[in-house]
C-alpha atoms as a PDB file:
ATOM      1  CA  MET A   1    -100.429  77.666-154.037  1.00  0.00           C
ATOM      2  CA  SER A   2    -101.753  79.804-151.728  1.00  0.00           C
ATOM      3  CA  VAL A   3    -100.675  81.041-148.050  1.00  0.00           C
ATOM      4  CA  ILE A   4    -102.849  79.249-145.598  1.00  0.00           C
ATOM      5  CA  ILE A   5    -104.027  81.768-143.179  1.00  0.00           C
ATOM      6  CA  ASP A   6    -103.970  79.655-139.784  1.00  0.00           C
ATOM      7  CA  GLY A   7    -106.549  80.902-137.585  1.00  0.00           C
ATOM      8  CA  ARG A   8    -105.247  78.824-134.645  1.00  0.00           C
ATOM      9  CA  ALA A   9    -102.196  80.093-134.599  1.00  0.00           C
ATOM     10  CA  ILE A  10    -103.742  83.854-134.958  1.00  0.00           C
ATOM     11  CA  ALA A  11    -106.014  82.925-132.103  1.00  0.00           C
ATOM     12  CA  GLN A  12    -103.448  81.691-129.968  1.00  0.00           C
ATOM     13  CA  GLN A  13    -101.740  85.338-130.391  1.00  0.00           C
ATOM     14  CA  ILE A  14    -105.068  87.056-129.309  1.00  0.00           C
ATOM     15  CA  HIS A  15    -105.246  84.696-126.076  1.00  0.00           C
ATOM     16  CA  ALA A  16    -101.917  85.414-124.949  1.00  0.00           C
ATOM     17  CA  GLU A  17    -102.643  89.331-125.456  1.00  0.00           C
ATOM     18  CA  THR A  18    -106.075  88.570-123.622  1.00  0.00           C
ATOM     19  CA  ALA A  19    -104.095  86.500-120.944  1.00  0.00           C
ATOM     20  CA  ALA A  20    -101.762  89.700-120.489  1.00  0.00           C
ATOM     21  CA  ARG A  21    -105.035  92.237-120.016  1.00  0.00           C
ATOM     22  CA  VAL A  22    -106.532  89.451-117.527  1.00  0.00           C
ATOM     23  CA  ALA A  23    -103.611  89.429-115.618  1.00  0.00           C
ATOM     24  CA  THR A  24    -103.322  93.456-115.277  1.00  0.00           C
ATOM     25  CA  LEU A  25    -106.861  93.392-114.023  1.00  0.00           C
ATOM     26  CA  LYS A  26    -106.071  90.687-111.379  1.00  0.00           C
ATOM     27  CA  THR A  27    -103.430  93.368-109.883  1.00  0.00           C
ATOM     28  CA  ARG A  28    -106.451  95.425-109.299  1.00  0.00           C
ATOM     29  CA  GLY A  29    -108.500  92.721-107.762  1.00  0.00           C
ATOM     30  CA  ILE A  30    -110.779  91.910-110.769  1.00  0.00           C
ATOM     31  CA  GLN A  31    -111.085  88.828-112.493  1.00  0.00           C
ATOM     32  CA  PRO A  32    -113.392  89.033-115.996  1.00  0.00           C
ATOM     33  CA  GLY A  33    -116.708  86.893-115.643  1.00  0.00           C
ATOM     34  CA  LEU A  34    -118.363  85.378-118.255  1.00  0.00           C
ATOM     35  CA  VAL A  35    -121.549  83.584-117.966  1.00  0.00           C
ATOM     36  CA  PHE A  36    -122.998  81.402-120.969  1.00  0.00           C
ATOM     37  CA  VAL A  37    -126.918  80.832-121.011  1.00  0.00           C
ATOM     38  CA  ARG A  38    -127.719  77.436-122.626  1.00  0.00           C
ATOM     39  CA  VAL A  39    -131.475  76.417-123.131  1.00  0.00           C
ATOM     40  CA  GLY A  40    -132.131  72.903-124.114  1.00  0.00           C
ATOM     41  CA  GLU A  41    -129.834  70.015-124.545  1.00  0.00           C
ATOM     42  CA  ASP A  42    -128.826  71.020-128.336  1.00  0.00           C
ATOM     43  CA  PRO A  43    -125.567  68.525-129.309  1.00  0.00           C
ATOM     44  CA  SER A  44    -123.540  71.303-131.318  1.00  0.00           C
ATOM     45  CA  SER A  45    -124.397  73.876-128.352  1.00  0.00           C
ATOM     46  CA  GLN A  46    -123.373  71.481-125.690  1.00  0.00           C
ATOM     47  CA  VAL A  47    -119.904  71.194-127.773  1.00  0.00           C
ATOM     48  CA  TYR A  48    -119.691  74.862-128.346  1.00  0.00           C
ATOM     49  CA  VAL A  49    -120.318  76.146-125.025  1.00  0.00           C
ATOM     50  CA  GLY A  50    -117.818  73.883-123.743  1.00  0.00           C
ATOM     51  CA  MET A  51    -114.975  74.655-125.879  1.00  0.00           C
ATOM     52  CA  LYS A  52    -116.044  78.592-124.773  1.00  0.00           C
ATOM     53  CA  GLU A  53    -115.797  77.618-121.098  1.00  0.00           C
ATOM     54  CA  LYS A  54    -112.831  75.529-121.125  1.00  0.00           C
ATOM     55  CA  LYS A  55    -110.764  78.220-122.700  1.00  0.00           C
ATOM     56  CA  SER A  56    -111.926  80.895-120.803  1.00  0.00           C
ATOM     57  CA  ALA A  57    -110.985  79.067-117.628  1.00  0.00           C
ATOM     58  CA  GLU A  58    -107.528  78.455-119.111  1.00  0.00           C
ATOM     59  CA  LEU A  59    -106.959  82.188-119.498  1.00  0.00           C
ATOM     60  CA  GLY A  60    -107.979  82.943-115.796  1.00  0.00           C
ATOM     61  CA  PHE A  61    -112.003  84.232-116.356  1.00  0.00           C
ATOM     62  CA  ARG A  62    -114.593  83.250-113.604  1.00  0.00           C
ATOM     63  CA  SER A  63    -117.187  81.342-115.931  1.00  0.00           C
ATOM     64  CA  THR A  64    -120.116  79.324-115.933  1.00  0.00           C
ATOM     65  CA  THR A  65    -122.943  77.572-117.578  1.00  0.00           C
ATOM     66  CA  LEU A  66    -126.440  78.561-116.936  1.00  0.00           C
ATOM     67  CA  VAL A  67    -128.429  75.329-118.359  1.00  0.00           C
ATOM     68  CA  LEU A  68    -131.906  75.811-118.597  1.00  0.00           C
ATOM     69  CA  PRO A  69    -134.690  73.325-119.744  1.00  0.00           C
ATOM     70  CA  ALA A  70    -135.999  73.109-123.108  1.00  0.00           C
ATOM     71  CA  THR A  71    -139.511  73.898-121.523  1.00  0.00           C
ATOM     72  CA  THR A  72    -138.206  77.427-120.188  1.00  0.00           C
ATOM     73  CA  SER A  73    -140.301  80.009-121.334  1.00  0.00           C
ATOM     74  CA  GLU A  74    -139.341  83.243-122.955  1.00  0.00           C
ATOM     75  CA  ALA A  75    -140.367  85.259-119.885  1.00  0.00           C
ATOM     76  CA  GLU A  76    -138.448  82.994-117.521  1.00  0.00           C
ATOM     77  CA  LEU A  77    -135.432  83.154-119.696  1.00  0.00           C
ATOM     78  CA  LEU A  78    -135.642  87.147-119.951  1.00  0.00           C
ATOM     79  CA  ALA A  79    -136.074  87.455-115.904  1.00  0.00           C
ATOM     80  CA  ARG A  80    -132.896  85.147-115.829  1.00  0.00           C
ATOM     81  CA  ILE A  81    -131.011  87.218-117.927  1.00  0.00           C
ATOM     82  CA  ASP A  82    -132.351  90.703-115.872  1.00  0.00           C
ATOM     83  CA  ALA A  83    -130.800  88.774-112.592  1.00  0.00           C
ATOM     84  CA  LEU A  84    -127.437  88.381-114.676  1.00  0.00           C
ATOM     85  CA  ASN A  85    -127.218  91.804-116.126  1.00  0.00           C
ATOM     86  CA  ALA A  86    -127.953  92.801-112.397  1.00  0.00           C
ATOM     87  CA  ASP A  87    -124.920  90.922-110.913  1.00  0.00           C
ATOM     88  CA  PRO A  88    -121.677  92.598-110.875  1.00  0.00           C
ATOM     89  CA  GLN A  89    -119.422  89.502-110.804  1.00  0.00           C
ATOM     90  CA  TRP A  90    -120.314  88.820-114.863  1.00  0.00           C
ATOM     91  CA  HIS A  91    -118.786  91.243-116.923  1.00  0.00           C
ATOM     92  CA  GLY A  92    -120.039  89.371-120.225  1.00  0.00           C
ATOM     93  CA  ILE A  93    -123.228  87.185-121.102  1.00  0.00           C
ATOM     94  CA  LEU A  94    -123.441  85.030-123.744  1.00  0.00           C
ATOM     95  CA  VAL A  95    -126.881  83.127-124.695  1.00  0.00           C
ATOM     96  CA  GLN A  96    -126.140  80.397-126.978  1.00  0.00           C
ATOM     97  CA  ALA A  97    -128.105  79.875-130.135  1.00  0.00           C
ATOM     98  CA  PRO A  98    -130.299  78.059-131.226  1.00  0.00           C
ATOM     99  CA  LEU A  99    -132.939  78.850-128.737  1.00  0.00           C
ATOM    100  CA  PRO A 100    -136.030  76.844-128.495  1.00  0.00           C
ATOM    101  CA  HIS A 101    -139.148  77.407-130.362  1.00  0.00           C
ATOM    102  CA  PRO A 102    -141.297  79.792-129.505  1.00  0.00           C
ATOM    103  CA  ILE A 103    -138.490  81.844-127.840  1.00  0.00           C
ATOM    104  CA  ASN A 104    -137.656  85.255-130.050  1.00  0.00           C
ATOM    105  CA  ALA A 105    -133.983  85.272-130.321  1.00  0.00           C
ATOM    106  CA  ALA A 106    -134.231  88.940-131.367  1.00  0.00           C
ATOM    107  CA  THR A 107    -135.773  89.681-127.980  1.00  0.00           C
ATOM    108  CA  VAL A 108    -133.623  87.695-125.799  1.00  0.00           C
ATOM    109  CA  TYR A 109    -130.385  89.631-127.327  1.00  0.00           C
ATOM    110  CA  ALA A 110    -132.017  92.683-126.936  1.00  0.00           C
ATOM    111  CA  ARG A 111    -132.476  92.266-122.965  1.00  0.00           C
ATOM    112  CA  VAL A 112    -128.578  91.809-122.234  1.00  0.00           C
ATOM    113  CA  ASP A 113    -127.236  94.883-120.962  1.00  0.00           C
ATOM    114  CA  PRO A 114    -125.400  96.255-123.987  1.00  0.00           C
ATOM    115  CA  GLU A 115    -122.277  96.837-121.749  1.00  0.00           C
ATOM    116  CA  LYS A 116    -122.453  92.695-121.051  1.00  0.00           C
ATOM    117  CA  ASP A 117    -123.708  92.158-124.676  1.00  0.00           C
ATOM    118  CA  VAL A 118    -119.839  90.433-125.592  1.00  0.00           C
ATOM    119  CA  ASP A 119    -121.626  88.794-128.832  1.00  0.00           C
ATOM    120  CA  GLY A 120    -122.148  92.320-130.102  1.00  0.00           C
ATOM    121  CA  PHE A 121    -125.917  91.037-130.842  1.00  0.00           C
ATOM    122  CA  HIS A 122    -127.660  93.948-129.067  1.00  0.00           C
ATOM    123  CA  PRO A 123    -129.502  96.529-131.180  1.00  0.00           C
ATOM    124  CA  LEU A 124    -127.712  99.097-129.634  1.00  0.00           C
ATOM    125  CA  ASN A 125    -124.050  97.492-130.454  1.00  0.00           C
ATOM    126  CA  VAL A 126    -125.275  96.747-133.850  1.00  0.00           C
ATOM    127  CA  GLY A 127    -126.083 100.386-134.327  1.00  0.00           C
ATOM    128  CA  LYS A 128    -122.837 101.660-133.234  1.00  0.00           C
ATOM    129  CA  LEU A 129    -121.007  99.033-135.785  1.00  0.00           C
ATOM    130  CA  LEU A 130    -123.152 100.421-138.518  1.00  0.00           C
ATOM    131  CA  LEU A 131    -122.459 103.767-137.752  1.00  0.00           C
ATOM    132  CA  GLY A 132    -118.741 103.341-137.121  1.00  0.00           C
ATOM    133  CA  ASP A 133    -118.774 104.072-133.435  1.00  0.00           C
ATOM    134  CA  SER A 134    -115.777 102.063-131.873  1.00  0.00           C
ATOM    135  CA  ASP A 135    -117.209 102.173-128.495  1.00  0.00           C
ATOM    136  CA  GLY A 136    -119.677  99.043-129.300  1.00  0.00           C
ATOM    137  CA  PHE A 137    -118.890  95.500-129.021  1.00  0.00           C
ATOM    138  CA  VAL A 138    -118.125  93.812-132.291  1.00  0.00           C
ATOM    139  CA  PRO A 139    -119.697  90.335-133.178  1.00  0.00           C
ATOM    140  CA  CYS A 140    -117.085  87.341-132.507  1.00  0.00           C
ATOM    141  CA  THR A 141    -117.183  85.879-136.060  1.00  0.00           C
ATOM    142  CA  PRO A 142    -116.932  89.090-138.173  1.00  0.00           C
ATOM    143  CA  GLY A 143    -114.248  90.874-136.119  1.00  0.00           C
ATOM    144  CA  GLY A 144    -112.408  87.622-135.847  1.00  0.00           C
ATOM    145  CA  ILE A 145    -112.478  87.274-139.938  1.00  0.00           C
ATOM    146  CA  HIS A 146    -110.855  91.208-139.384  1.00  0.00           C
ATOM    147  CA  GLU A 147    -108.289  90.223-137.243  1.00  0.00           C
ATOM    148  CA  LEU A 148    -107.379  87.499-139.826  1.00  0.00           C
ATOM    149  CA  LEU A 149    -107.288  89.620-142.377  1.00  0.00           C
ATOM    150  CA  ILE A 150    -105.221  92.134-140.634  1.00  0.00           C
ATOM    151  CA  ARG A 151    -102.823  90.051-139.232  1.00  0.00           C
ATOM    152  CA  SER A 152    -101.978  88.093-142.390  1.00  0.00           C
ATOM    153  CA  GLU A 153    -101.496  91.268-143.620  1.00  0.00           C
ATOM    154  CA  VAL A 154    -103.896  91.071-146.663  1.00  0.00           C
ATOM    155  CA  PRO A 155    -104.583  94.370-148.120  1.00  0.00           C
ATOM    156  CA  ILE A 156    -107.933  95.812-147.465  1.00  0.00           C
ATOM    157  CA  PRO A 157    -108.593  99.856-148.526  1.00  0.00           C
ATOM    158  CA  GLY A 158    -109.664  99.864-152.056  1.00  0.00           C
ATOM    159  CA  ALA A 159    -110.177  95.984-152.025  1.00  0.00           C
ATOM    160  CA  GLU A 160    -113.499  94.736-153.916  1.00  0.00           C
ATOM    161  CA  VAL A 161    -115.108  92.366-151.214  1.00  0.00           C
ATOM    162  CA  VAL A 162    -117.758  89.992-151.855  1.00  0.00           C
ATOM    163  CA  ILE A 163    -119.780  88.532-149.114  1.00  0.00           C
ATOM    164  CA  LEU A 164    -121.586  85.587-149.846  1.00  0.00           C
ATOM    165  CA  GLY A 165    -124.711  85.523-147.155  1.00  0.00           C
ATOM    166  CA  ARG A 166    -126.643  88.596-145.580  1.00  0.00           C
ATOM    167  CA  GLY A 167    -127.323  86.701-142.107  1.00  0.00           C
ATOM    168  CA  ASN A 168    -127.192  88.883-138.915  1.00  0.00           C
ATOM    169  CA  ILE A 169    -124.418  86.818-137.290  1.00  0.00           C
ATOM    170  CA  VAL A 170    -121.756  87.254-140.133  1.00  0.00           C
ATOM    171  CA  GLY A 171    -122.671  88.854-143.555  1.00  0.00           C
ATOM    172  CA  LYS A 172    -124.203  92.022-142.515  1.00  0.00           C
ATOM    173  CA  PRO A 173    -121.963  92.389-139.703  1.00  0.00           C
ATOM    174  CA  MET A 174    -118.947  91.950-141.782  1.00  0.00           C
ATOM    175  CA  ALA A 175    -120.082  94.343-144.536  1.00  0.00           C
ATOM    176  CA  SER A 176    -120.275  97.157-141.768  1.00  0.00           C
ATOM    177  CA  ILE A 177    -116.682  96.649-140.730  1.00  0.00           C
ATOM    178  CA  LEU A 178    -115.091  96.561-143.981  1.00  0.00           C
ATOM    179  CA  VAL A 179    -117.062  99.462-145.615  1.00  0.00           C
ATOM    180  CA  GLN A 180    -116.273 101.892-142.878  1.00  0.00           C
ATOM    181  CA  LYS A 181    -113.606 105.115-143.358  1.00  0.00           C
ATOM    182  CA  GLY A 182    -110.461 103.721-141.451  1.00  0.00           C
ATOM    183  CA  ARG A 183    -106.791 102.667-141.747  1.00  0.00           C
ATOM    184  CA  HIS A 184    -108.362  98.361-141.879  1.00  0.00           C
ATOM    185  CA  ALA A 185    -111.362  99.175-144.164  1.00  0.00           C
ATOM    186  CA  ASN A 186    -112.526 101.260-146.603  1.00  0.00           C
ATOM    187  CA  ALA A 187    -113.339  98.351-148.937  1.00  0.00           C
ATOM    188  CA  THR A 188    -116.093  98.325-151.642  1.00  0.00           C
ATOM    189  CA  VAL A 189    -118.433  95.862-150.476  1.00  0.00           C
ATOM    190  CA  THR A 190    -120.854  93.791-152.324  1.00  0.00           C
ATOM    191  CA  VAL A 191    -122.984  91.332-150.447  1.00  0.00           C
ATOM    192  CA  VAL A 192    -124.614  88.276-152.578  1.00  0.00           C
ATOM    193  CA  HIS A 193    -127.487  86.617-151.092  1.00  0.00           C
ATOM    194  CA  SER A 194    -130.211  84.366-152.336  1.00  0.00           C
ATOM    195  CA  GLY A 195    -132.029  86.664-154.395  1.00  0.00           C
ATOM    196  CA  SER A 196    -128.971  87.673-156.290  1.00  0.00           C
ATOM    197  CA  ARG A 197    -128.411  87.371-160.174  1.00  0.00           C
ATOM    198  CA  ASP A 198    -125.057  85.962-161.460  1.00  0.00           C
ATOM    199  CA  VAL A 199    -123.377  84.957-158.268  1.00  0.00           C
ATOM    200  CA  ALA A 200    -120.388  83.234-159.934  1.00  0.00           C
ATOM    201  CA  GLU A 201    -119.596  86.703-161.665  1.00  0.00           C
ATOM    202  CA  HIS A 202    -119.449  88.696-158.548  1.00  0.00           C
ATOM    203  CA  CYS A 203    -117.338  86.202-157.016  1.00  0.00           C
ATOM    204  CA  ARG A 204    -115.010  86.492-159.678  1.00  0.00           C
ATOM    205  CA  ARG A 205    -114.056  90.109-159.225  1.00  0.00           C
ATOM    206  CA  ALA A 206    -113.344  89.771-155.662  1.00  0.00           C
ATOM    207  CA  ASP A 207    -110.126  90.611-154.019  1.00  0.00           C
ATOM    208  CA  ILE A 208    -111.659  89.402-150.936  1.00  0.00           C
ATOM    209  CA  LEU A 209    -113.633  86.878-150.884  1.00  0.00           C
ATOM    210  CA  ILE A 210    -115.678  85.734-147.686  1.00  0.00           C
ATOM    211  CA  ALA A 211    -118.333  82.573-147.902  1.00  0.00           C
ATOM    212  CA  ALA A 212    -120.832  82.580-144.934  1.00  0.00           C
ATOM    213  CA  MET A 213    -123.843  80.977-147.052  1.00  0.00           C
ATOM    214  CA  GLY A 214    -124.041  77.496-145.113  1.00  0.00           C
ATOM    215  CA  VAL A 215    -124.017  76.082-148.569  1.00  0.00           C
ATOM    216  CA  PRO A 216    -121.323  72.914-148.652  1.00  0.00           C
ATOM    217  CA  GLU A 217    -118.546  73.814-150.609  1.00  0.00           C
ATOM    218  CA  PHE A 218    -120.621  76.392-152.560  1.00  0.00           C
ATOM    219  CA  VAL A 219    -117.318  78.061-153.800  1.00  0.00           C
ATOM    220  CA  ARG A 220    -115.391  76.457-157.078  1.00  0.00           C
ATOM    221  CA  ALA A 221    -112.259  77.182-158.391  1.00  0.00           C
ATOM    222  CA  SER A 222    -114.357  78.658-161.437  1.00  0.00           C
ATOM    223  CA  MET A 223    -115.733  81.406-159.080  1.00  0.00           C
ATOM    224  CA  VAL A 224    -112.217  82.502-157.755  1.00  0.00           C
ATOM    225  CA  LYS A 225    -110.015  85.246-159.171  1.00  0.00           C
ATOM    226  CA  PRO A 226    -106.738  84.213-158.976  1.00  0.00           C
ATOM    227  CA  GLY A 227    -104.318  85.419-156.293  1.00  0.00           C
ATOM    228  CA  ALA A 228    -107.829  86.454-154.021  1.00  0.00           C
ATOM    229  CA  THR A 229    -108.311  86.386-150.490  1.00  0.00           C
ATOM    230  CA  VAL A 230    -110.817  83.402-149.614  1.00  0.00           C
ATOM    231  CA  ILE A 231    -112.362  83.474-145.956  1.00  0.00           C
ATOM    232  CA  ASP A 232    -114.543  79.670-145.393  1.00  0.00           C
ATOM    233  CA  VAL A 233    -116.933  80.852-142.548  1.00  0.00           C
ATOM    234  CA  GLY A 234    -119.248  77.947-143.429  1.00  0.00           C
ATOM    235  CA  VAL A 235    -119.916  74.563-141.071  1.00  0.00           C
ATOM    236  CA  ASN A 236    -122.029  72.102-142.811  1.00  0.00           C
ATOM    237  CA  ARG A 237    -122.489  68.365-142.314  1.00  0.00           C
ATOM    238  CA  VAL A 238    -122.984  65.909-145.399  1.00  0.00           C
ATOM    239  CA  PRO A 239    -122.986  62.463-145.309  1.00  0.00           C
ATOM    240  CA  SER A 240    -119.628  60.288-145.311  1.00  0.00           C
ATOM    241  CA  PRO A 241    -120.813  57.003-145.479  1.00  0.00           C
ATOM    242  CA  GLY A 242    -116.951  55.504-144.470  1.00  0.00           C
ATOM    243  CA  SER A 243    -116.636  57.326-141.502  1.00  0.00           C
ATOM    244  CA  THR A 244    -117.547  56.485-137.908  1.00  0.00           C
ATOM    245  CA  THR A 245    -120.458  59.135-137.842  1.00  0.00           C
ATOM    246  CA  GLY A 246    -121.666  58.802-141.075  1.00  0.00           C
ATOM    247  CA  THR A 247    -121.184  62.344-141.724  1.00  0.00           C
ATOM    248  CA  ARG A 248    -118.203  64.970-142.248  1.00  0.00           C
ATOM    249  CA  LEU A 249    -117.970  68.509-141.828  1.00  0.00           C
ATOM    250  CA  VAL A 250    -117.127  70.705-144.887  1.00  0.00           C
ATOM    251  CA  GLY A 251    -116.945  74.644-145.301  1.00  0.00           C
ATOM    252  CA  ASP A 252    -118.786  76.714-147.815  1.00  0.00           C
ATOM    253  CA  VAL A 253    -115.282  76.582-150.078  1.00  0.00           C
ATOM    254  CA  ALA A 254    -114.438  73.422-152.155  1.00  0.00           C
ATOM    255  CA  PHE A 255    -110.864  73.893-150.363  1.00  0.00           C
ATOM    256  CA  ALA A 256    -108.933  71.301-152.694  1.00  0.00           C
ATOM    257  CA  GLU A 257    -110.163  73.187-155.980  1.00  0.00           C
ATOM    258  CA  VAL A 258    -109.775  76.478-154.645  1.00  0.00           C
ATOM    259  CA  ALA A 259    -106.399  76.697-152.868  1.00  0.00           C
ATOM    260  CA  PRO A 260    -104.179  76.718-155.926  1.00  0.00           C
ATOM    261  CA  ILE A 261    -105.994  79.646-157.399  1.00  0.00           C
ATOM    262  CA  ALA A 262    -106.413  81.756-154.212  1.00  0.00           C
ATOM    263  CA  GLY A 263    -103.490  83.904-152.763  1.00  0.00           C
ATOM    264  CA  TRP A 264    -104.434  83.391-149.276  1.00  0.00           C
ATOM    265  CA  ILE A 265    -107.015  80.935-147.893  1.00  0.00           C
ATOM    266  CA  THR A 266    -108.384  79.842-144.681  1.00  0.00           C
ATOM    267  CA  PRO A 267    -108.365  76.051-143.957  1.00  0.00           C
ATOM    268  CA  ASN A 268    -111.899  74.678-142.502  1.00  0.00           C
ATOM    269  CA  PRO A 269    -111.469  73.757-139.855  1.00  0.00           C
ATOM    270  CA  GLY A 270    -108.713  75.685-138.143  1.00  0.00           C
ATOM    271  CA  GLY A 271    -109.325  78.863-139.868  1.00  0.00           C
ATOM    272  CA  VAL A 272    -112.374  81.185-138.996  1.00  0.00           C
ATOM    273  CA  GLY A 273    -113.640  79.002-136.105  1.00  0.00           C
ATOM    274  CA  PRO A 274    -111.103  79.450-133.400  1.00  0.00           C
ATOM    275  CA  MET A 275    -110.859  83.248-133.802  1.00  0.00           C
ATOM    276  CA  THR A 276    -114.356  83.373-132.607  1.00  0.00           C
ATOM    277  CA  ILE A 277    -113.749  81.961-129.330  1.00  0.00           C
ATOM    278  CA  ALA A 278    -110.825  84.545-129.407  1.00  0.00           C
ATOM    279  CA  MET A 279    -112.679  87.798-129.861  1.00  0.00           C
ATOM    280  CA  LEU A 280    -115.403  86.546-127.583  1.00  0.00           C
ATOM    281  CA  LEU A 281    -112.577  86.486-124.658  1.00  0.00           C
ATOM    282  CA  SER A 282    -111.112  89.494-125.564  1.00  0.00           C
ATOM    283  CA  ASN A 283    -114.543  91.447-125.450  1.00  0.00           C
ATOM    284  CA  THR A 284    -115.178  90.308-122.190  1.00  0.00           C
ATOM    285  CA  THR A 285    -111.884  91.116-120.968  1.00  0.00           C
ATOM    286  CA  ARG A 286    -112.597  94.749-122.522  1.00  0.00           C
ATOM    287  CA  ALA A 287    -116.250  94.763-120.934  1.00  0.00           C
ATOM    288  CA  ALA A 288    -114.357  93.882-117.542  1.00  0.00           C
ATOM    289  CA  GLU A 289    -112.067  97.009-118.010  1.00  0.00           C
ATOM    290  CA  ARG A 290    -115.007  99.137-119.118  1.00  0.00           C
ATOM    291  CA  ALA A 291    -117.127  98.107-115.606  1.00  0.00           C
ATOM    292  CA  THR A 292    -114.086  98.883-113.763  1.00  0.00           C
ATOM    293  CA  ARG A 293    -112.699 102.082-115.155  1.00  0.00           C
END
């Protein structure tokens, strides 16, 4: 049976480290400030922002949520971001996805001050990550996955890593992190996507398999190398007639099948999800530290 990578426990370690850093900042009269920008009333966005704001308050941040109507124009949203960029009380700005049509998400993310881009989506921070420049902010989910691997002592240098999914939020930045020349990287990385041939064959040679496709329980036991590390990033809602809501959440990995084969595996929930918030608050604390150097 595999070792379960407990994302909740590791996130709590990081939260404790962040709380200590926040306490140090407060001795200097500085309180990290994080503002969430939500456009519209998407139910999932409301839940995610609520969780992030609650945890930031617990750790001693100044935080607030700016809620704008779904009818907000791109120009209006950009103007609000400009105002937040100029306000020194906010060290981090997070614009919650998804944004309503026709707002262009890439344009919005590029408008956030790179020094306040604690989500790591600004082109400048993306470029720094690709170049191996540690001065930028790393996107929270891939950064959290990296911490899971490091703190679980999963061997990364020289490992064959297969990433299922080439998205801008997880797949591409994850590849950039693990391919760098460094102590906790130096992996051989393959990114598998909808245009790839022999997907299962790629998966079977992976020492570390990271599933971020958004396809319910795509990874089956026959696709996993014995002893491999399996990281499940997926959040998928599938029908569940017996439940009160009629649906249930599953990952991209068929956990019950894969767990007996894997060496390490993340549960879902309780694996990657808690790490995303932990890295967001760590990034915001770093932004506050940098702003007051």
